[in-house]
Amino acid sequence: MQQQLDTMFGLNTPYSAARTVIFGAPFDSTTSFRPGTRFAPRTMRGEAYGLENYSPYQDADLSDTAVFDAGDLELPMGDSRLTLDMIERQTTEILTDGKFPLLIGGEHLVSLGAIRAAYKKYPNLRLIHFDAHTDLRDEYLGVTLSHASVIRRAWEFLGDGKIFQFGIRSGDRDEFIWAKNHTHLHKFDFVGLAETVANLGGYPVYFTVDLDVLDPAVFPGTGTPEAGGTDFMTLLNAIFTVIKNTNIVAMDMVELCPPCDHSGASTAVALKLLREAIIAIEM
């Protein structure tokens, strides 16, 4: 993979020496409400220079990490299947090289390609999902590959009882009914997360964070804002709980929508969460 000139937080460890590899998936072709998440990876790189590299939460610095920024994939807008295949190939290469993939979306559908790659390497994979939405529709407006159905598609190969959802506060009634028999869905907050993590033992974990799990008062810059969400510190501590207490093998952060982020506040929130996640992964 080629070194980028403009990297996230100025991180510039060579690929051969890196432990974590960031890459962007600028895709939003199935967005159902407000488009623009395709601009998130590039916007985050540009705004990252406004954030300190030191974390007072963890008493650690990004300079202590070994992170390679692979840049953004050049994805074919309008072709979800090819997009997912490209994301899967990139994630597979990173995993094969013994490194940790950290995917930046983009809409939530992009996670599916990375989850598929992680599952092929780790057939006993578990999925932890933070989101405002269930994402369990079998189809949305006749489309089965949609950001509204990404977790349902992941369930098709992961199977029952291997998906753990938190912060969920929106979805069709049928999705909530379906989840009772197929996923572990925790409505509204992160109650039960510590117990879930403790029970996962050494299972490999894929961690997907849809940033609209945050309340729109904290994070308005997203395509499908949903009132009643969590606050920054609660989400940060939940992210720490997952990263520091599971055998996490890959992660993504999705659904920042810069065109909806008129003040830049949502991008600042996303970047701070990303900084903390990187440091926690690397520690």
Protein backbone atom coordinates (compact mmCIF):
# COMPACT_ATOMS: atom_id res chain seq x y z
CA MET A 1 0.00 0.00 0.00
CA GLN A 2 1.21 3.51 -0.85
CA GLN A 3 2.03 6.14 1.79
CA GLN A 4 -0.38 9.09 1.75
CA LEU A 5 0.74 12.71 1.83
CA ASP A 6 -2.33 13.89 3.76
CA THR A 7 -2.89 11.41 6.58
CA MET A 8 -5.32 11.22 9.50
CA PHE A 9 -3.79 13.11 12.46
CA GLY A 10 -0.53 13.26 10.51
CA LEU A 11 0.12 9.58 11.26
CA ASN A 12 2.86 8.31 8.98
CA THR A 13 4.12 4.90 10.14
CA PRO A 14 5.18 2.85 7.08
CA TYR A 15 2.79 0.02 6.23
CA SER A 16 5.38 -2.65 6.98
CA ALA A 17 5.80 -1.36 10.55
CA ALA A 18 2.17 -0.49 11.26
CA ARG A 19 -0.11 -2.40 13.62
CA THR A 20 -3.30 -0.52 12.67
CA VAL A 21 -4.34 0.48 9.13
CA ILE A 22 -6.94 3.17 8.54
CA PHE A 23 -8.76 3.37 5.23
CA GLY A 24 -11.78 5.31 4.01
CA ALA A 25 -14.83 4.04 2.15
CA PRO A 26 -16.46 7.17 0.67
CA PHE A 27 -19.77 5.63 -0.40
CA ASP A 28 -23.38 6.71 0.22
CA SER A 29 -25.36 5.39 -2.75
CA THR A 30 -28.08 3.71 -0.63
CA THR A 31 -28.57 6.57 1.84
CA SER A 32 -32.29 6.80 2.54
CA PHE A 33 -32.58 10.40 3.82
CA ARG A 34 -29.79 13.01 3.74
CA PRO A 35 -26.80 12.08 1.51
CA GLY A 36 -23.20 13.16 1.99
CA THR A 37 -21.44 10.55 4.13
CA ARG A 38 -19.12 9.89 1.19
CA PHE A 39 -17.31 13.09 2.17
CA ALA A 40 -16.57 12.00 5.74
CA PRO A 41 -13.12 10.39 5.38
CA ARG A 42 -11.63 13.31 3.46
CA THR A 43 -13.26 15.90 5.72
CA MET A 44 -11.99 14.12 8.83
CA ARG A 45 -8.43 14.10 7.48
CA GLY A 46 -8.61 17.82 6.80
CA GLU A 47 -10.08 18.70 10.20
CA ALA A 48 -7.88 16.31 12.21
CA TYR A 49 -5.11 18.90 12.38
CA GLY A 50 -7.28 20.92 14.78
CA LEU A 51 -7.24 18.18 17.43
CA GLU A 52 -4.41 17.50 19.86
CA ASN A 53 -2.73 14.11 19.56
CA TYR A 54 -2.61 13.63 23.33
CA SER A 55 -5.46 11.87 25.13
CA PRO A 56 -5.96 13.01 28.73
CA TYR A 57 -8.55 10.22 29.03
CA GLN A 58 -5.92 7.52 28.52
CA ASP A 59 -2.71 9.44 29.28
CA ALA A 60 -1.34 8.41 25.91
CA ASP A 61 -0.50 10.08 22.62
CA LEU A 62 -1.05 9.22 18.97
CA SER A 63 2.71 9.55 18.58
CA ASP A 64 2.97 6.38 20.68
CA THR A 65 1.03 4.41 18.05
CA ALA A 66 2.02 2.62 14.85
CA VAL A 67 -0.74 3.56 12.39
CA PHE A 68 -0.72 3.62 8.60
CA ASP A 69 -3.33 5.63 6.71
CA ALA A 70 -4.04 3.87 3.40
CA GLY A 71 -6.23 6.72 2.15
CA ASP A 72 -9.64 6.28 0.56
CA LEU A 73 -10.74 3.54 -1.77
CA GLU A 74 -11.88 4.77 -5.17
CA LEU A 75 -15.35 3.26 -5.13
CA PRO A 76 -17.87 2.96 -7.98
CA MET A 77 -20.85 5.08 -6.94
CA GLY A 78 -24.08 3.26 -7.67
CA ASP A 79 -22.62 -0.27 -7.61
CA SER A 80 -23.05 -1.60 -4.09
CA ARG A 81 -21.87 -5.13 -4.85
CA LEU A 82 -18.61 -4.06 -6.44
CA THR A 83 -18.07 -1.53 -3.65
CA LEU A 84 -18.49 -4.22 -0.99
CA ASP A 85 -16.14 -6.54 -2.88
CA MET A 86 -13.46 -3.83 -2.97
CA ILE A 87 -13.83 -3.13 0.75
CA GLU A 88 -13.66 -6.85 1.48
CA ARG A 89 -10.46 -7.22 -0.55
CA GLN A 90 -8.81 -4.29 1.21
CA THR A 91 -9.81 -5.60 4.64
CA THR A 92 -8.64 -9.11 3.75
CA GLU A 93 -5.22 -7.82 2.71
CA ILE A 94 -4.83 -5.94 6.00
CA LEU A 95 -5.91 -8.95 8.07
CA THR A 96 -3.70 -11.33 6.08
CA ASP A 97 -0.73 -9.08 6.83
CA GLY A 98 -1.43 -9.41 10.55
CA LYS A 99 -2.67 -5.85 11.00
CA PHE A 100 -5.83 -4.28 12.42
CA PRO A 101 -8.30 -2.76 9.88
CA LEU A 102 -10.01 0.48 10.93
CA LEU A 103 -12.59 1.48 8.31
CA ILE A 104 -14.00 5.02 8.09
CA GLY A 105 -17.33 5.43 6.27
CA GLY A 106 -19.32 6.38 4.41
CA GLU A 107 -22.80 5.01 4.98
CA HIS A 108 -23.28 1.95 7.15
CA LEU A 109 -23.53 -0.49 4.24
CA VAL A 110 -19.75 -0.24 3.79
CA SER A 111 -19.31 -2.20 7.03
CA LEU A 112 -20.64 -5.33 5.36
CA GLY A 113 -17.57 -5.76 3.16
CA ALA A 114 -15.23 -5.53 6.13
CA ILE A 115 -17.40 -7.83 8.27
CA ARG A 116 -17.35 -10.44 5.50
CA ALA A 117 -13.56 -10.31 5.38
CA ALA A 118 -13.28 -10.67 9.15
CA TYR A 119 -15.73 -13.58 9.16
CA LYS A 120 -13.76 -15.45 6.49
CA LYS A 121 -10.65 -15.25 8.65
CA TYR A 122 -12.52 -15.80 11.94
CA PRO A 123 -15.53 -18.12 11.38
CA ASN A 124 -16.54 -17.82 15.05
CA LEU A 125 -16.76 -14.02 14.76
CA ARG A 126 -19.06 -11.98 17.00
CA LEU A 127 -20.44 -8.56 16.03
CA ILE A 128 -20.97 -5.64 18.43
CA HIS A 129 -23.14 -2.94 16.89
CA PHE A 130 -23.71 0.61 18.27
CA ASP A 131 -26.46 2.47 16.41
CA ALA A 132 -29.69 4.43 16.66
CA HIS A 133 -31.26 2.10 14.09
CA THR A 134 -31.85 -1.63 13.97
CA ASP A 135 -30.55 -1.99 10.36
CA LEU A 136 -32.38 -5.33 10.25
CA ARG A 137 -34.72 -4.82 7.30
CA ASP A 138 -34.69 -7.65 4.80
CA GLU A 139 -35.01 -4.99 2.12
CA TYR A 140 -35.61 -1.24 1.86
CA LEU A 141 -37.68 -0.04 -1.09
CA GLY A 142 -36.89 -3.34 -2.80
CA VAL A 143 -33.13 -3.07 -2.26
CA THR A 144 -31.49 -5.79 -0.16
CA LEU A 145 -28.04 -4.15 -0.05
CA SER A 146 -28.89 -1.01 1.89
CA HIS A 147 -27.62 0.83 4.93
CA ALA A 148 -31.00 -0.08 6.42
CA SER A 149 -30.30 -3.80 6.03
CA VAL A 150 -26.55 -4.10 6.72
CA ILE A 151 -26.90 -6.00 10.00
CA ARG A 152 -29.53 -8.32 8.50
CA ARG A 153 -27.08 -9.18 5.72
CA ALA A 154 -24.34 -9.82 8.29
CA TRP A 155 -26.70 -12.11 10.22
CA GLU A 156 -27.10 -14.28 7.11
CA PHE A 157 -23.57 -15.61 7.55
CA LEU A 158 -22.94 -14.95 11.26
CA GLY A 159 -26.13 -16.67 12.41
CA ASP A 160 -28.33 -16.41 15.50
CA GLY A 161 -27.04 -15.15 18.82
CA LYS A 162 -23.78 -13.69 17.51
CA ILE A 163 -24.85 -10.07 17.02
CA PHE A 164 -25.07 -7.68 19.98
CA GLN A 165 -26.84 -4.36 19.35
CA PHE A 166 -26.81 -1.33 21.67
CA GLY A 167 -28.36 2.14 21.65
CA ILE A 168 -31.14 1.07 19.27
CA ARG A 169 -34.14 3.40 19.30
CA SER A 170 -35.53 3.34 15.77
CA GLY A 171 -36.77 0.77 13.26
CA ASP A 172 -39.85 -0.97 11.91
CA ARG A 173 -41.91 -2.95 14.41
CA ASP A 174 -41.14 -6.10 12.41
CA GLU A 175 -37.41 -5.52 12.90
CA PHE A 176 -37.76 -5.43 16.66
CA ILE A 177 -39.93 -8.56 16.58
CA TRP A 178 -37.44 -10.34 14.32
CA ALA A 179 -34.52 -9.37 16.56
CA LYS A 180 -36.04 -11.16 19.57
CA ASN A 181 -35.23 -14.52 17.98
CA HIS A 182 -32.04 -13.69 16.11
CA THR A 183 -29.91 -10.95 17.74
CA HIS A 184 -29.29 -9.57 21.22
CA LEU A 185 -30.90 -6.13 20.87
CA HIS A 186 -30.54 -3.62 23.72
CA LYS A 187 -32.84 -0.63 23.29
CA PHE A 188 -31.91 2.97 24.02
CA ASP A 189 -28.60 2.66 25.89
CA PHE A 190 -25.62 0.50 26.84
CA VAL A 191 -27.14 -1.36 29.76
CA GLY A 192 -25.84 -4.91 29.60
CA LEU A 193 -22.70 -4.06 27.63
CA ALA A 194 -20.28 -4.99 30.43
CA GLU A 195 -22.00 -8.36 30.88
CA THR A 196 -21.99 -8.97 27.13
CA VAL A 197 -18.29 -8.24 26.88
CA ALA A 198 -17.50 -10.46 29.85
CA ASN A 199 -19.45 -13.34 28.29
CA LEU A 200 -17.67 -13.08 24.93
CA GLY A 201 -14.49 -14.49 26.38
CA GLY A 202 -11.87 -14.92 23.68
CA TYR A 203 -14.21 -14.83 20.68
CA PRO A 204 -12.98 -12.56 17.87
CA VAL A 205 -15.09 -9.40 17.72
CA TYR A 206 -15.91 -7.03 14.88
CA PHE A 207 -16.98 -3.63 16.28
CA THR A 208 -19.17 -1.31 14.19
CA VAL A 209 -20.01 2.19 15.44
CA ASP A 210 -22.73 4.15 13.66
CA LEU A 211 -22.23 7.65 15.01
CA ASP A 212 -25.94 8.40 14.94
CA VAL A 213 -26.10 6.42 18.20
CA LEU A 214 -25.27 9.87 19.62
CA ASP A 215 -28.11 12.28 20.30
CA PRO A 216 -28.55 14.89 17.53
CA ALA A 217 -27.92 17.59 20.15
CA VAL A 218 -24.37 16.20 20.32
CA PHE A 219 -24.05 14.95 16.76
CA PRO A 220 -26.41 16.66 14.29
CA GLY A 221 -24.18 15.98 11.28
CA THR A 222 -25.57 12.66 10.19
CA GLY A 223 -27.92 11.49 7.48
CA THR A 224 -30.64 10.03 9.70
CA PRO A 225 -30.65 11.88 13.04
CA GLU A 226 -32.76 10.24 15.75
CA ALA A 227 -33.66 11.99 19.02
CA GLY A 228 -33.08 10.23 22.33
CA GLY A 229 -29.47 9.19 21.83
CA THR A 230 -26.47 8.95 24.10
CA ASP A 231 -24.00 11.66 25.07
CA PHE A 232 -20.31 11.86 24.19
CA MET A 233 -18.79 10.56 27.43
CA THR A 234 -21.22 7.65 27.67
CA LEU A 235 -20.36 6.58 24.14
CA LEU A 236 -16.64 7.05 24.72
CA ASN A 237 -16.73 4.84 27.82
CA ALA A 238 -18.77 2.22 25.93
CA ILE A 239 -16.17 2.22 23.14
CA PHE A 240 -13.44 1.74 25.75
CA THR A 241 -15.40 -1.14 27.27
CA VAL A 242 -15.48 -2.98 23.95
CA ILE A 243 -11.95 -2.26 22.76
CA LYS A 244 -10.18 -2.88 26.05
CA ASN A 245 -12.09 -5.98 27.12
CA THR A 246 -12.64 -8.06 23.97
CA ASN A 247 -10.56 -9.79 21.35
CA ILE A 248 -11.37 -7.09 18.82
CA VAL A 249 -10.04 -7.89 15.33
CA ALA A 250 -11.50 -5.06 13.20
CA MET A 251 -13.58 -1.91 13.62
CA ASP A 252 -15.41 0.74 11.67
CA MET A 253 -16.87 4.18 12.34
CA VAL A 254 -19.59 5.35 9.94
CA GLU A 255 -22.36 7.83 9.09
CA LEU A 256 -20.74 11.22 9.65
CA CYS A 257 -22.34 13.49 7.02
CA PRO A 258 -20.23 16.64 6.55
CA PRO A 259 -22.83 18.51 4.41
CA CYS A 260 -25.21 18.22 7.39
CA ASP A 261 -22.49 19.39 9.80
CA HIS A 262 -22.73 23.14 9.26
CA SER A 263 -20.71 24.15 12.34
CA GLY A 264 -18.13 21.37 12.08
CA ALA A 265 -19.03 20.23 15.60
CA SER A 266 -20.01 16.71 14.51
CA THR A 267 -16.72 16.21 12.69
CA ALA A 268 -14.88 17.33 15.84
CA VAL A 269 -16.85 14.77 17.87
CA ALA A 270 -16.12 11.99 15.36
CA LEU A 271 -12.42 12.82 15.33
CA LYS A 272 -12.12 12.79 19.10
CA LEU A 273 -13.83 9.40 19.25
CA LEU A 274 -11.54 8.15 16.50
CA ARG A 275 -8.44 9.41 18.31
CA GLU A 276 -9.49 7.63 21.49
CA ALA A 277 -10.35 4.44 19.61
CA ILE A 278 -6.96 4.37 17.86
CA ILE A 279 -5.07 4.83 21.11
CA ALA A 280 -7.19 2.20 22.89
CA ILE A 281 -6.59 -0.30 20.07
CA GLU A 282 -2.87 0.34 20.08
CA MET A 283 -2.34 0.29 23.86
